[in-house]
Amino acid sequence: MATRKKKPARDIEKGYPAKQFVEKLRRLADSIEQGKRFRIQIDGERVSIPPDAIINIEHERSKSGEEVEFQIKWPLP
């Protein structure tokens, strides 16, 4: 059995124009609804999200602003 190559830690934010963001959200929603794996490329790296990933929404507030994050998490194999 082939061993998986360990990927380096990564923490980036990638901005998208509204139209591209909507297209990505629509593809994500379709994948979730159909119980299928979602694949996306973010800043040059391909990411594959399993259908059983945990989905949550986070809201943060501080004196300088507010933030809403749509998070998708899954354990590594």
C-alpha atoms as a PDB file:
ATOM      1  CA  MET A   1       0.000   0.000   0.000  1.00  0.00           C
ATOM      2  CA  ALA A   2       1.347   3.442  -0.913  1.00  0.00           C
ATOM      3  CA  THR A   3       2.026   5.839   1.941  1.00  0.00           C
ATOM      4  CA  ARG A   4       0.672   9.348   1.755  1.00  0.00           C
ATOM      5  CA  LYS A   5       3.124  12.187   1.546  1.00  0.00           C
ATOM      6  CA  LYS A   6       2.820  14.468   4.566  1.00  0.00           C
ATOM      7  CA  LYS A   7       1.750  17.979   3.589  1.00  0.00           C
ATOM      8  CA  PRO A   8       3.196  21.053   5.319  1.00  0.00           C
ATOM      9  CA  ALA A   9       1.021  23.152   7.642  1.00  0.00           C
ATOM     10  CA  ARG A  10      -0.848  25.900   5.845  1.00  0.00           C
ATOM     11  CA  ASP A  11      -2.985  28.871   6.892  1.00  0.00           C
ATOM     12  CA  ILE A  12      -4.013  31.245   4.122  1.00  0.00           C
ATOM     13  CA  GLU A  13      -6.920  33.457   3.229  1.00  0.00           C
ATOM     14  CA  LYS A  14      -7.806  33.810  -0.424  1.00  0.00           C
ATOM     15  CA  GLY A  15     -10.139  36.551  -1.612  1.00  0.00           C
ATOM     16  CA  TYR A  16     -12.457  36.070  -4.572  1.00  0.00           C
ATOM     17  CA  PRO A  17     -14.715  38.392  -6.571  1.00  0.00           C
ATOM     18  CA  ALA A  18     -18.390  37.951  -5.628  1.00  0.00           C
ATOM     19  CA  LYS A  19     -19.256  36.049  -8.836  1.00  0.00           C
ATOM     20  CA  GLN A  20     -16.487  33.453  -8.315  1.00  0.00           C
ATOM     21  CA  PHE A  21     -17.378  33.096  -4.636  1.00  0.00           C
ATOM     22  CA  VAL A  22     -21.027  32.426  -5.517  1.00  0.00           C
ATOM     23  CA  GLU A  23     -19.986  29.788  -8.088  1.00  0.00           C
ATOM     24  CA  LYS A  24     -17.839  28.016  -5.486  1.00  0.00           C
ATOM     25  CA  LEU A  25     -20.599  28.155  -2.868  1.00  0.00           C
ATOM     26  CA  ARG A  26     -23.085  26.765  -5.372  1.00  0.00           C
ATOM     27  CA  ARG A  27     -20.792  23.840  -6.238  1.00  0.00           C
ATOM     28  CA  LEU A  28     -20.191  23.225  -2.513  1.00  0.00           C
ATOM     29  CA  ALA A  29     -23.931  23.280  -1.753  1.00  0.00           C
ATOM     30  CA  ASP A  30     -24.611  20.833  -4.592  1.00  0.00           C
ATOM     31  CA  SER A  31     -21.905  18.453  -3.308  1.00  0.00           C
ATOM     32  CA  ILE A  32     -23.224  18.601   0.257  1.00  0.00           C
ATOM     33  CA  GLU A  33     -26.796  18.051  -0.884  1.00  0.00           C
ATOM     34  CA  GLN A  34     -25.786  15.052  -3.026  1.00  0.00           C
ATOM     35  CA  GLY A  35     -23.498  13.565  -0.352  1.00  0.00           C
ATOM     36  CA  LYS A  36     -20.495  13.799  -2.674  1.00  0.00           C
ATOM     37  CA  ARG A  37     -16.865  14.752  -2.191  1.00  0.00           C
ATOM     38  CA  PHE A  38     -16.109  18.428  -2.926  1.00  0.00           C
ATOM     39  CA  ARG A  39     -12.910  19.349  -4.728  1.00  0.00           C
ATOM     40  CA  ILE A  40     -11.540  22.869  -4.883  1.00  0.00           C
ATOM     41  CA  GLN A  41      -8.239  24.525  -5.722  1.00  0.00           C
ATOM     42  CA  ILE A  42      -7.170  27.265  -3.310  1.00  0.00           C
ATOM     43  CA  ASP A  43      -4.107  29.375  -4.049  1.00  0.00           C
ATOM     44  CA  GLY A  44      -2.612  26.666  -6.275  1.00  0.00           C
ATOM     45  CA  GLU A  45      -3.292  23.666  -4.005  1.00  0.00           C
ATOM     46  CA  ARG A  46      -6.019  21.121  -4.634  1.00  0.00           C
ATOM     47  CA  VAL A  47      -8.168  20.254  -1.643  1.00  0.00           C
ATOM     48  CA  SER A  48     -10.587  17.328  -1.486  1.00  0.00           C
ATOM     49  CA  ILE A  49     -13.313  17.550   1.152  1.00  0.00           C
ATOM     50  CA  PRO A  50     -15.022  14.281   2.147  1.00  0.00           C
ATOM     51  CA  PRO A  51     -18.826  14.114   2.179  1.00  0.00           C
ATOM     52  CA  ASP A  52     -18.882  13.405   5.936  1.00  0.00           C
ATOM     53  CA  ALA A  53     -16.924  16.555   6.861  1.00  0.00           C
ATOM     54  CA  ILE A  54     -18.233  18.625   9.790  1.00  0.00           C
ATOM     55  CA  ILE A  55     -19.771  21.923   8.721  1.00  0.00           C
ATOM     56  CA  ASN A  56     -20.232  24.860  11.081  1.00  0.00           C
ATOM     57  CA  ILE A  57     -20.675  28.613  11.018  1.00  0.00           C
ATOM     58  CA  GLU A  58     -18.666  30.862  13.289  1.00  0.00           C
ATOM     59  CA  HIS A  59     -19.307  34.497  14.218  1.00  0.00           C
ATOM     60  CA  GLU A  60     -16.671  36.688  15.838  1.00  0.00           C
ATOM     61  CA  ARG A  61     -16.987  40.282  17.022  1.00  0.00           C
ATOM     62  CA  SER A  62     -14.361  42.702  18.289  1.00  0.00           C
ATOM     63  CA  LYS A  63     -14.094  46.456  18.676  1.00  0.00           C
ATOM     64  CA  SER A  64     -12.647  46.748  15.179  1.00  0.00           C
ATOM     65  CA  GLY A  65     -15.099  44.576  13.246  1.00  0.00           C
ATOM     66  CA  GLU A  66     -17.091  41.398  12.797  1.00  0.00           C
ATOM     67  CA  GLU A  67     -16.423  38.179  10.941  1.00  0.00           C
ATOM     68  CA  VAL A  68     -18.503  35.215   9.802  1.00  0.00           C
ATOM     69  CA  GLU A  69     -16.689  32.040   8.800  1.00  0.00           C
ATOM     70  CA  PHE A  70     -18.214  29.026   7.097  1.00  0.00           C
ATOM     71  CA  GLN A  71     -15.978  26.186   8.268  1.00  0.00           C
ATOM     72  CA  ILE A  72     -15.607  22.665   6.967  1.00  0.00           C
ATOM     73  CA  LYS A  73     -13.461  20.291   9.045  1.00  0.00           C
ATOM     74  CA  TRP A  74     -12.427  16.662   8.705  1.00  0.00           C
ATOM     75  CA  PRO A  75      -9.800  14.447  10.303  1.00  0.00           C
ATOM     76  CA  LEU A  76      -6.721  13.356   8.399  1.00  0.00           C
ATOM     77  CA  PRO A  77      -6.502   9.656   7.529  1.00  0.00           C
END
